Amino acid sequence: MYDLKWSPSEKKVARSAYEHAVQSALGKLMTEVKARAASIATPADLWALEDYLRQQRRDIDDIFDYRYSRLILVFARLIHEGYLDEARLGGLSEEKLEIIRGLLPP
């Protein structure tokens, strides 16, 4: 989508921020799943948990896309959804940061 060049140092920053966001998302999911699992009282609750996990897996697979052509969009979405703080992107070019900021809702 964006034809931006990524320097080696920017790639390191991007990978670190991305991995942090993945861990943040999975940590939140694990907390939620543990709470839901603890409240299972019927077989229907069990299957509801399975459905929830399947949907969460799809959502995570959709959000986390580490192709450089999509990474700007991914970072904007991760910031918007609270999985990433813009400060973790320090070291990216101002051009990339401006594009990310421009993609965030007001």
N, C-alpha and C. Protein backbone atom coordinates (compact mmCIF):
# COMPACT_ATOMS: atom_id res chain seq x y z
N MET A 1 0.83 -1.19 0.00
CA MET A 1 0.00 0.00 0.00
C MET A 1 0.87 1.25 0.00
N TYR A 2 1.83 1.30 0.92
CA TYR A 2 2.76 2.42 0.95
C TYR A 2 4.11 1.91 0.47
N ASP A 3 4.71 2.65 -0.45
CA ASP A 3 6.00 2.26 -1.00
C ASP A 3 7.09 3.03 -0.27
N LEU A 4 7.30 2.70 0.99
CA LEU A 4 8.28 3.39 1.81
C LEU A 4 9.49 2.49 1.98
N LYS A 5 10.63 3.09 2.07
CA LYS A 5 11.87 2.35 2.32
C LYS A 5 12.10 2.29 3.83
N TRP A 6 12.54 1.14 4.30
CA TRP A 6 12.80 0.93 5.72
C TRP A 6 14.29 0.70 5.91
N SER A 7 14.92 1.56 6.69
CA SER A 7 16.34 1.39 6.99
C SER A 7 16.50 0.22 7.96
N PRO A 8 17.71 -0.32 8.07
CA PRO A 8 17.92 -1.40 9.05
C PRO A 8 17.54 -1.00 10.48
N SER A 9 17.84 0.23 10.87
CA SER A 9 17.49 0.66 12.24
C SER A 9 15.97 0.79 12.39
N GLU A 10 15.29 1.25 11.34
CA GLU A 10 13.83 1.34 11.39
C GLU A 10 13.20 -0.05 11.46
N LYS A 11 13.80 -0.99 10.77
CA LYS A 11 13.28 -2.37 10.82
C LYS A 11 13.39 -2.93 12.23
N LYS A 12 14.46 -2.61 12.94
CA LYS A 12 14.61 -3.07 14.33
C LYS A 12 13.56 -2.44 15.22
N VAL A 13 13.34 -1.13 15.07
CA VAL A 13 12.32 -0.44 15.86
C VAL A 13 10.95 -1.03 15.56
N ALA A 14 10.67 -1.22 14.28
CA ALA A 14 9.37 -1.75 13.87
C ALA A 14 9.15 -3.15 14.44
N ARG A 15 10.15 -4.00 14.36
CA ARG A 15 10.00 -5.38 14.87
C ARG A 15 9.77 -5.37 16.37
N SER A 16 10.51 -4.54 17.09
CA SER A 16 10.35 -4.46 18.54
C SER A 16 8.96 -3.97 18.92
N ALA A 17 8.49 -2.92 18.25
CA ALA A 17 7.16 -2.37 18.53
C ALA A 17 6.08 -3.40 18.20
N TYR A 18 6.25 -4.07 17.08
CA TYR A 18 5.30 -5.08 16.64
C TYR A 18 5.22 -6.22 17.65
N GLU A 19 6.37 -6.73 18.07
CA GLU A 19 6.40 -7.83 19.02
C GLU A 19 5.79 -7.42 20.36
N HIS A 20 6.05 -6.20 20.77
CA HIS A 20 5.45 -5.69 22.01
C HIS A 20 3.92 -5.68 21.88
N ALA A 21 3.42 -5.22 20.75
CA ALA A 21 1.97 -5.16 20.53
C ALA A 21 1.35 -6.56 20.50
N VAL A 22 2.05 -7.51 19.87
CA VAL A 22 1.55 -8.89 19.84
C VAL A 22 1.43 -9.42 21.27
N GLN A 23 2.47 -9.22 22.07
CA GLN A 23 2.44 -9.70 23.46
C GLN A 23 1.34 -9.01 24.26
N SER A 24 1.14 -7.72 24.00
CA SER A 24 0.08 -6.98 24.69
C SER A 24 -1.30 -7.56 24.33
N ALA A 25 -1.53 -7.79 23.05
CA ALA A 25 -2.81 -8.32 22.60
C ALA A 25 -3.04 -9.73 23.16
N LEU A 26 -2.03 -10.56 23.10
CA LEU A 26 -2.19 -11.93 23.59
C LEU A 26 -2.35 -11.96 25.11
N GLY A 27 -1.67 -11.06 25.80
CA GLY A 27 -1.83 -10.99 27.25
C GLY A 27 -3.25 -10.61 27.64
N LYS A 28 -3.81 -9.63 26.94
CA LYS A 28 -5.19 -9.23 27.21
C LYS A 28 -6.15 -10.38 26.90
N LEU A 29 -5.90 -11.06 25.80
CA LEU A 29 -6.75 -12.19 25.43
C LEU A 29 -6.67 -13.31 26.47
N MET A 30 -5.48 -13.63 26.92
CA MET A 30 -5.34 -14.70 27.91
C MET A 30 -6.07 -14.36 29.21
N THR A 31 -5.99 -13.11 29.62
CA THR A 31 -6.71 -12.68 30.82
C THR A 31 -8.21 -12.86 30.64
N GLU A 32 -8.71 -12.46 29.49
CA GLU A 32 -10.14 -12.60 29.19
C GLU A 32 -10.55 -14.07 29.12
N VAL A 33 -9.76 -14.89 28.48
CA VAL A 33 -10.09 -16.30 28.35
C VAL A 33 -10.10 -16.98 29.72
N LYS A 34 -9.15 -16.66 30.57
CA LYS A 34 -9.13 -17.25 31.91
C LYS A 34 -10.39 -16.89 32.68
N ALA A 35 -10.82 -15.64 32.57
CA ALA A 35 -12.04 -15.21 33.26
C ALA A 35 -13.25 -15.94 32.70
N ARG A 36 -13.31 -16.06 31.38
CA ARG A 36 -14.44 -16.77 30.77
C ARG A 36 -14.42 -18.25 31.13
N ALA A 37 -13.25 -18.85 31.11
CA ALA A 37 -13.15 -20.27 31.43
C ALA A 37 -13.57 -20.54 32.87
N ALA A 38 -13.22 -19.63 33.77
CA ALA A 38 -13.58 -19.80 35.18
C ALA A 38 -15.08 -19.74 35.39
N SER A 39 -15.79 -19.11 34.48
CA SER A 39 -17.24 -18.97 34.66
C SER A 39 -18.05 -20.01 33.86
N ILE A 40 -17.38 -20.97 33.27
CA ILE A 40 -18.10 -22.00 32.51
C ILE A 40 -18.93 -22.85 33.47
N ALA A 41 -20.22 -22.94 33.15
CA ALA A 41 -21.12 -23.71 34.01
C ALA A 41 -21.90 -24.78 33.24
N THR A 42 -21.95 -24.61 31.92
CA THR A 42 -22.72 -25.55 31.10
C THR A 42 -21.92 -25.92 29.86
N PRO A 43 -22.29 -27.01 29.20
CA PRO A 43 -21.63 -27.32 27.93
C PRO A 43 -21.77 -26.19 26.91
N ALA A 44 -22.88 -25.50 26.93
CA ALA A 44 -23.07 -24.38 25.99
C ALA A 44 -22.04 -23.29 26.25
N ASP A 45 -21.69 -23.07 27.51
CA ASP A 45 -20.66 -22.08 27.85
C ASP A 45 -19.30 -22.49 27.27
N LEU A 46 -19.04 -23.79 27.31
CA LEU A 46 -17.79 -24.32 26.77
C LEU A 46 -17.69 -24.03 25.28
N TRP A 47 -18.76 -24.30 24.55
CA TRP A 47 -18.75 -24.08 23.10
C TRP A 47 -18.73 -22.59 22.77
N ALA A 48 -19.34 -21.80 23.64
CA ALA A 48 -19.28 -20.34 23.45
C ALA A 48 -17.83 -19.85 23.59
N LEU A 49 -17.09 -20.44 24.52
CA LEU A 49 -15.69 -20.08 24.68
C LEU A 49 -14.90 -20.48 23.44
N GLU A 50 -15.19 -21.65 22.91
CA GLU A 50 -14.52 -22.07 21.69
C GLU A 50 -14.80 -21.09 20.55
N ASP A 51 -16.05 -20.69 20.39
CA ASP A 51 -16.41 -19.72 19.35
C ASP A 51 -15.68 -18.40 19.56
N TYR A 52 -15.62 -17.95 20.80
CA TYR A 52 -14.93 -16.71 21.13
C TYR A 52 -13.45 -16.80 20.74
N LEU A 53 -12.81 -17.90 21.11
CA LEU A 53 -11.40 -18.09 20.78
C LEU A 53 -11.17 -18.12 19.28
N ARG A 54 -12.03 -18.79 18.56
CA ARG A 54 -11.90 -18.87 17.10
C ARG A 54 -11.98 -17.46 16.49
N GLN A 55 -12.94 -16.67 16.96
CA GLN A 55 -13.09 -15.31 16.44
C GLN A 55 -11.89 -14.44 16.81
N GLN A 56 -11.40 -14.59 18.02
CA GLN A 56 -10.24 -13.82 18.44
C GLN A 56 -9.01 -14.18 17.61
N ARG A 57 -8.86 -15.45 17.29
CA ARG A 57 -7.73 -15.88 16.44
C ARG A 57 -7.83 -15.22 15.07
N ARG A 58 -9.04 -15.19 14.50
CA ARG A 58 -9.22 -14.52 13.20
C ARG A 58 -8.88 -13.04 13.30
N ASP A 59 -9.35 -12.40 14.36
CA ASP A 59 -9.10 -10.97 14.54
C ASP A 59 -7.60 -10.69 14.68
N ILE A 60 -6.92 -11.49 15.48
CA ILE A 60 -5.49 -11.29 15.68
C ILE A 60 -4.73 -11.54 14.38
N ASP A 61 -5.09 -12.59 13.66
CA ASP A 61 -4.45 -12.85 12.37
C ASP A 61 -4.68 -11.72 11.39
N ASP A 62 -5.85 -11.09 11.48
CA ASP A 62 -6.18 -9.97 10.59
C ASP A 62 -5.40 -8.72 10.96
N ILE A 63 -5.27 -8.45 12.24
CA ILE A 63 -4.61 -7.23 12.70
C ILE A 63 -3.10 -7.29 12.50
N PHE A 64 -2.49 -8.40 12.88
CA PHE A 64 -1.03 -8.49 12.92
C PHE A 64 -0.48 -9.01 11.60
N ASP A 65 -0.06 -8.08 10.77
CA ASP A 65 0.47 -8.37 9.43
C ASP A 65 1.81 -7.65 9.30
N TYR A 66 2.90 -8.41 9.30
CA TYR A 66 4.22 -7.78 9.32
C TYR A 66 4.82 -7.65 7.92
N ARG A 67 4.06 -7.27 6.97
CA ARG A 67 4.63 -6.94 5.66
C ARG A 67 4.91 -5.44 5.67
N TYR A 68 6.10 -5.06 5.23
CA TYR A 68 6.48 -3.64 5.28
C TYR A 68 5.51 -2.77 4.49
N SER A 69 4.90 -3.31 3.45
CA SER A 69 3.95 -2.53 2.66
C SER A 69 2.67 -2.23 3.45
N ARG A 70 2.41 -2.98 4.52
CA ARG A 70 1.19 -2.80 5.32
C ARG A 70 1.48 -2.30 6.73
N LEU A 71 2.74 -2.25 7.11
CA LEU A 71 3.10 -2.00 8.49
C LEU A 71 2.63 -0.63 9.00
N ILE A 72 2.62 0.36 8.16
CA ILE A 72 2.14 1.69 8.57
C ILE A 72 0.67 1.60 9.00
N LEU A 73 -0.13 0.90 8.22
CA LEU A 73 -1.55 0.72 8.56
C LEU A 73 -1.70 -0.11 9.83
N VAL A 74 -0.90 -1.14 9.95
CA VAL A 74 -0.94 -2.00 11.13
C VAL A 74 -0.62 -1.18 12.37
N PHE A 75 0.44 -0.37 12.33
CA PHE A 75 0.80 0.43 13.49
C PHE A 75 -0.30 1.42 13.85
N ALA A 76 -0.91 2.05 12.87
CA ALA A 76 -2.01 2.98 13.16
C ALA A 76 -3.16 2.25 13.85
N ARG A 77 -3.49 1.08 13.36
CA ARG A 77 -4.58 0.31 13.96
C ARG A 77 -4.22 -0.14 15.38
N LEU A 78 -2.99 -0.57 15.57
CA LEU A 78 -2.56 -1.03 16.89
C LEU A 78 -2.59 0.12 17.90
N ILE A 79 -2.19 1.30 17.48
CA ILE A 79 -2.27 2.48 18.37
C ILE A 79 -3.72 2.78 18.68
N HIS A 80 -4.55 2.81 17.65
CA HIS A 80 -5.97 3.11 17.83
C HIS A 80 -6.65 2.10 18.78
N GLU A 81 -6.30 0.83 18.67
CA GLU A 81 -6.94 -0.20 19.47
C GLU A 81 -6.28 -0.40 20.84
N GLY A 82 -5.25 0.40 21.12
CA GLY A 82 -4.64 0.39 22.45
C GLY A 82 -3.59 -0.69 22.67
N TYR A 83 -3.12 -1.33 21.63
CA TYR A 83 -2.10 -2.36 21.77
C TYR A 83 -0.68 -1.80 21.65
N LEU A 84 -0.57 -0.57 21.22
CA LEU A 84 0.74 0.03 20.98
C LEU A 84 0.69 1.51 21.30
N ASP A 85 1.76 1.99 21.91
CA ASP A 85 1.91 3.41 22.18
C ASP A 85 2.85 3.98 21.13
N GLU A 86 2.52 5.14 20.62
CA GLU A 86 3.34 5.76 19.57
C GLU A 86 4.79 5.93 20.00
N ALA A 87 5.02 6.10 21.27
CA ALA A 87 6.40 6.29 21.77
C ALA A 87 7.29 5.10 21.41
N ARG A 88 6.72 3.92 21.27
CA ARG A 88 7.51 2.74 20.90
C ARG A 88 8.00 2.82 19.46
N LEU A 89 7.48 3.76 18.69
CA LEU A 89 7.87 3.90 17.29
C LEU A 89 8.97 4.93 17.11
N GLY A 90 9.49 5.44 18.21
CA GLY A 90 10.61 6.39 18.13
C GLY A 90 11.77 5.74 17.40
N GLY A 91 12.27 6.42 16.40
CA GLY A 91 13.33 5.86 15.57
C GLY A 91 12.87 5.67 14.14
N LEU A 92 11.55 5.69 13.94
CA LEU A 92 11.04 5.68 12.57
C LEU A 92 11.17 7.08 11.99
N SER A 93 11.23 7.17 10.70
CA SER A 93 11.34 8.49 10.06
C SER A 93 10.11 9.33 10.36
N GLU A 94 10.30 10.62 10.34
CA GLU A 94 9.17 11.54 10.58
C GLU A 94 8.09 11.33 9.53
N GLU A 95 8.48 11.01 8.32
CA GLU A 95 7.50 10.75 7.25
C GLU A 95 6.57 9.59 7.65
N LYS A 96 7.14 8.51 8.13
CA LYS A 96 6.32 7.36 8.53
C LYS A 96 5.43 7.72 9.71
N LEU A 97 5.99 8.42 10.69
CA LEU A 97 5.20 8.81 11.86
C LEU A 97 4.05 9.73 11.48
N GLU A 98 4.29 10.65 10.56
CA GLU A 98 3.22 11.55 10.11
C GLU A 98 2.11 10.77 9.41
N ILE A 99 2.47 9.79 8.60
CA ILE A 99 1.45 8.98 7.93
C ILE A 99 0.64 8.22 8.98
N ILE A 100 1.31 7.62 9.95
CA ILE A 100 0.61 6.88 11.02
C ILE A 100 -0.34 7.81 11.75
N ARG A 101 0.15 8.98 12.15
CA ARG A 101 -0.71 9.95 12.86
C ARG A 101 -1.90 10.36 12.01
N GLY A 102 -1.67 10.51 10.72
CA GLY A 102 -2.74 10.90 9.81
C GLY A 102 -3.82 9.84 9.66
N LEU A 103 -3.47 8.60 9.91
CA LEU A 103 -4.43 7.51 9.82
C LEU A 103 -5.26 7.32 11.08
N LEU A 104 -4.82 7.94 12.17
CA LEU A 104 -5.55 7.80 13.44
C LEU A 104 -6.79 8.67 13.43
N PRO A 105 -7.86 8.17 14.03
CA PRO A 105 -9.07 9.01 14.12
C PRO A 105 -8.81 10.24 14.99
N PRO A 106 -9.50 11.31 14.73
CA PRO A 106 -9.31 12.53 15.52
C PRO A 106 -9.75 12.37 16.96
